[in-house]
C-alpha atoms as a PDB file:
ATOM      1  CA  UNK A   1      53.022  21.021 -42.227  1.00  0.00           C
ATOM      2  CA  UNK A   2      56.685  20.772 -43.725  1.00  0.00           C
ATOM      3  CA  UNK A   3      58.392  17.542 -44.834  1.00  0.00           C
ATOM      4  CA  UNK A   4      62.186  17.840 -45.107  1.00  0.00           C
ATOM      5  CA  UNK A   5      64.630  15.119 -46.744  1.00  0.00           C
ATOM      6  CA  UNK A   6      68.266  14.472 -44.981  1.00  0.00           C
ATOM      7  CA  UNK A   7      70.626  12.002 -45.044  1.00  0.00           C
ATOM      8  CA  UNK A   8      71.133   9.975 -42.035  1.00  0.00           C
ATOM      9  CA  UNK A   9      74.716  11.124 -41.926  1.00  0.00           C
ATOM     10  CA  UNK A  10      73.751  14.866 -41.911  1.00  0.00           C
ATOM     11  CA  UNK A  11      73.973  16.486 -38.610  1.00  0.00           C
ATOM     12  CA  UNK A  12      70.613  16.996 -37.122  1.00  0.00           C
ATOM     13  CA  UNK A  13      69.333  20.539 -36.602  1.00  0.00           C
ATOM     14  CA  UNK A  14      66.212  22.062 -34.539  1.00  0.00           C
ATOM     15  CA  UNK A  15      64.610  22.754 -37.899  1.00  0.00           C
ATOM     16  CA  UNK A  16      64.127  19.002 -38.406  1.00  0.00           C
ATOM     17  CA  UNK A  17      61.383  18.694 -36.473  1.00  0.00           C
ATOM     18  CA  UNK A  18      60.240  15.173 -35.724  1.00  0.00           C
ATOM     19  CA  UNK A  19      62.665  12.843 -37.470  1.00  0.00           C
ATOM     20  CA  UNK A  20      61.873   9.475 -39.044  1.00  0.00           C
ATOM     21  CA  UNK A  21      64.379   6.907 -40.512  1.00  0.00           C
ATOM     22  CA  UNK A  22      62.317   5.523 -43.694  1.00  0.00           C
ATOM     23  CA  UNK A  23      64.897   2.761 -45.123  1.00  0.00           C
ATOM     24  CA  UNK A  24      64.076  -0.495 -44.749  1.00  0.00           C
ATOM     25  CA  UNK A  25      67.722  -1.683 -43.654  1.00  0.00           C
ATOM     26  CA  UNK A  26      69.521   0.340 -40.595  1.00  0.00           C
ATOM     27  CA  UNK A  27      72.283   2.448 -41.808  1.00  0.00           C
ATOM     28  CA  UNK A  28      75.833   1.220 -41.308  1.00  0.00           C
ATOM     29  CA  UNK A  29      77.930   2.739 -38.592  1.00  0.00           C
ATOM     30  CA  UNK A  30      74.894   5.178 -37.258  1.00  0.00           C
ATOM     31  CA  UNK A  31      73.757   4.634 -33.534  1.00  0.00           C
ATOM     32  CA  UNK A  32      69.873   5.323 -32.729  1.00  0.00           C
ATOM     33  CA  UNK A  33      70.874   7.943 -30.593  1.00  0.00           C
ATOM     34  CA  UNK A  34      72.946   9.880 -33.224  1.00  0.00           C
ATOM     35  CA  UNK A  35      69.962   9.697 -35.563  1.00  0.00           C
ATOM     36  CA  UNK A  36      67.583  11.214 -32.710  1.00  0.00           C
ATOM     37  CA  UNK A  37      64.704   9.857 -34.543  1.00  0.00           C
ATOM     38  CA  UNK A  38      61.132   9.368 -33.272  1.00  0.00           C
ATOM     39  CA  UNK A  39      60.309   6.059 -35.095  1.00  0.00           C
ATOM     40  CA  UNK A  40      62.021   3.643 -37.500  1.00  0.00           C
ATOM     41  CA  UNK A  41      59.366   3.784 -40.201  1.00  0.00           C
ATOM     42  CA  UNK A  42      60.774   0.523 -41.811  1.00  0.00           C
ATOM     43  CA  UNK A  43      57.323  -0.647 -43.409  1.00  0.00           C
ATOM     44  CA  UNK A  44      56.912   2.777 -45.015  1.00  0.00           C
ATOM     45  CA  UNK A  45      60.191   1.797 -46.906  1.00  0.00           C
ATOM     46  CA  UNK A  46      59.984  -0.090 -50.411  1.00  0.00           C
ATOM     47  CA  UNK A  47      59.897  -3.848 -50.162  1.00  0.00           C
ATOM     48  CA  UNK A  48      63.069  -5.489 -50.271  1.00  0.00           C
ATOM     49  CA  UNK A  49      62.553  -7.045 -53.887  1.00  0.00           C
ATOM     50  CA  UNK A  50      61.423  -3.347 -55.025  1.00  0.00           C
ATOM     51  CA  UNK A  51      64.635  -2.108 -53.412  1.00  0.00           C
ATOM     52  CA  UNK A  52      66.709  -4.198 -55.199  1.00  0.00           C
ATOM     53  CA  UNK A  53      65.134  -4.523 -58.458  1.00  0.00           C
ATOM     54  CA  UNK A  54      65.468  -0.447 -58.549  1.00  0.00           C
ATOM     55  CA  UNK A  55      68.927  -0.129 -57.516  1.00  0.00           C
ATOM     56  CA  UNK A  56      68.916   3.515 -57.867  1.00  0.00           C
ATOM     57  CA  UNK A  57      68.982   3.282 -61.586  1.00  0.00           C
ATOM     58  CA  UNK A  58      67.869   6.648 -62.973  1.00  0.00           C
ATOM     59  CA  UNK A  59      66.379   4.977 -65.958  1.00  0.00           C
ATOM     60  CA  UNK A  60      63.882   3.169 -63.446  1.00  0.00           C
ATOM     61  CA  UNK A  61      63.062   5.703 -61.384  1.00  0.00           C
ATOM     62  CA  UNK A  62      59.710   6.518 -63.125  1.00  0.00           C
ATOM     63  CA  UNK A  63      58.695   2.933 -62.708  1.00  0.00           C
ATOM     64  CA  UNK A  64      59.729   2.725 -59.285  1.00  0.00           C
ATOM     65  CA  UNK A  65      57.745   5.482 -57.943  1.00  0.00           C
ATOM     66  CA  UNK A  66      54.887   3.937 -59.597  1.00  0.00           C
ATOM     67  CA  UNK A  67      55.532   0.213 -58.175  1.00  0.00           C
ATOM     68  CA  UNK A  68      56.370   1.699 -54.953  1.00  0.00           C
ATOM     69  CA  UNK A  69      53.326   3.998 -54.588  1.00  0.00           C
ATOM     70  CA  UNK A  70      51.017   0.886 -55.308  1.00  0.00           C
ATOM     71  CA  UNK A  71      53.071  -0.874 -52.480  1.00  0.00           C
ATOM     72  CA  UNK A  72      52.053   2.301 -50.081  1.00  0.00           C
ATOM     73  CA  UNK A  73      48.514   2.130 -51.299  1.00  0.00           C
ATOM     74  CA  UNK A  74      48.339  -1.405 -49.733  1.00  0.00           C
ATOM     75  CA  UNK A  75      49.648  -0.135 -46.563  1.00  0.00           C
ATOM     76  CA  UNK A  76      48.688   2.630 -44.922  1.00  0.00           C
ATOM     77  CA  UNK A  77      49.232   1.754 -41.723  1.00  0.00           C
ATOM     78  CA  UNK A  78      52.678   2.036 -42.316  1.00  0.00           C
ATOM     79  CA  UNK A  79      52.457   5.912 -43.703  1.00  0.00           C
ATOM     80  CA  UNK A  80      49.618   7.407 -41.945  1.00  0.00           C
ATOM     81  CA  UNK A  81      51.498   7.922 -38.653  1.00  0.00           C
ATOM     82  CA  UNK A  82      54.187  10.143 -40.532  1.00  0.00           C
ATOM     83  CA  UNK A  83      51.358  11.931 -42.538  1.00  0.00           C
ATOM     84  CA  UNK A  84      49.717  12.527 -39.026  1.00  0.00           C
ATOM     85  CA  UNK A  85      53.074  13.900 -37.614  1.00  0.00           C
ATOM     86  CA  UNK A  86      53.409  16.205 -40.710  1.00  0.00           C
ATOM     87  CA  UNK A  87      49.705  17.458 -40.420  1.00  0.00           C
ATOM     88  CA  UNK A  88      51.012  18.657 -36.845  1.00  0.00           C
ATOM     89  CA  UNK A  89      54.640  20.272 -37.793  1.00  0.00           C
ATOM     90  CA  UNK A  90      57.712  19.776 -39.566  1.00  0.00           C
ATOM     91  CA  UNK A  91      59.036  16.318 -40.016  1.00  0.00           C
ATOM     92  CA  UNK A  92      62.006  15.018 -41.551  1.00  0.00           C
ATOM     93  CA  UNK A  93      62.471  11.798 -43.452  1.00  0.00           C
ATOM     94  CA  UNK A  94      65.924  10.419 -43.131  1.00  0.00           C
ATOM     95  CA  UNK A  95      67.512   8.231 -45.905  1.00  0.00           C
ATOM     96  CA  UNK A  96      70.810   6.644 -46.353  1.00  0.00           C
ATOM     97  CA  UNK A  97      71.167   6.516 -50.122  1.00  0.00           C
ATOM     98  CA  UNK A  98      74.103   8.232 -51.771  1.00  0.00           C
ATOM     99  CA  UNK A  99      71.649   9.622 -54.437  1.00  0.00           C
ATOM    100  CA  UNK A 100      69.839  12.471 -52.977  1.00  0.00           C
ATOM    101  CA  UNK A 101      67.238  13.308 -55.825  1.00  0.00           C
ATOM    102  CA  UNK A 102      66.169   9.865 -56.654  1.00  0.00           C
ATOM    103  CA  UNK A 103      65.569   7.637 -53.878  1.00  0.00           C
ATOM    104  CA  UNK A 104      62.374   6.292 -51.500  1.00  0.00           C
ATOM    105  CA  UNK A 105      62.710   9.410 -49.216  1.00  0.00           C
ATOM    106  CA  UNK A 106      62.022  11.566 -52.303  1.00  0.00           C
ATOM    107  CA  UNK A 107      59.078   9.262 -53.639  1.00  0.00           C
ATOM    108  CA  UNK A 108      57.763   8.919 -49.875  1.00  0.00           C
ATOM    109  CA  UNK A 109      57.825  12.701 -49.560  1.00  0.00           C
ATOM    110  CA  UNK A 110      55.925  13.160 -52.836  1.00  0.00           C
ATOM    111  CA  UNK A 111      53.475  10.551 -51.951  1.00  0.00           C
ATOM    112  CA  UNK A 112      52.767  11.920 -48.398  1.00  0.00           C
ATOM    113  CA  UNK A 113      52.543  15.574 -49.544  1.00  0.00           C
ATOM    114  CA  UNK A 114      49.965  14.698 -52.033  1.00  0.00           C
ATOM    115  CA  UNK A 115      47.662  13.386 -49.140  1.00  0.00           C
ATOM    116  CA  UNK A 116      48.114  16.531 -46.754  1.00  0.00           C
ATOM    117  CA  UNK A 117      45.293  18.966 -46.581  1.00  0.00           C
ATOM    118  CA  UNK A 118      45.419  21.961 -48.293  1.00  0.00           C
ATOM    119  CA  UNK A 119      45.836  24.939 -45.858  1.00  0.00           C
ATOM    120  CA  UNK A 120      43.645  28.090 -46.559  1.00  0.00           C
END
């Protein structure tokens, strides 16, 4: 049960496991074949309004996470397939942001990991 993060422009690898695009918008210049995704989890991405409000402003990160988590609470059908895949093995959440530390995939990974069963 591992959740990895990777930019859509980075090469895929066997360690990625199942790959899911978790952006609301399709990344420019990237084909579906090149991504090698299982699914485009578009509905698991932040709403357009929240994405635009945030704008990758570091001063808004904490509030973005809170707002995004509230959105996710209202859309379990969007993230449960990701959680189920993670329970079976490694998954990689793909994002297109240039900011690797404060983007929706980072927040989504945190949200999902908090819901994974604890292994004993």
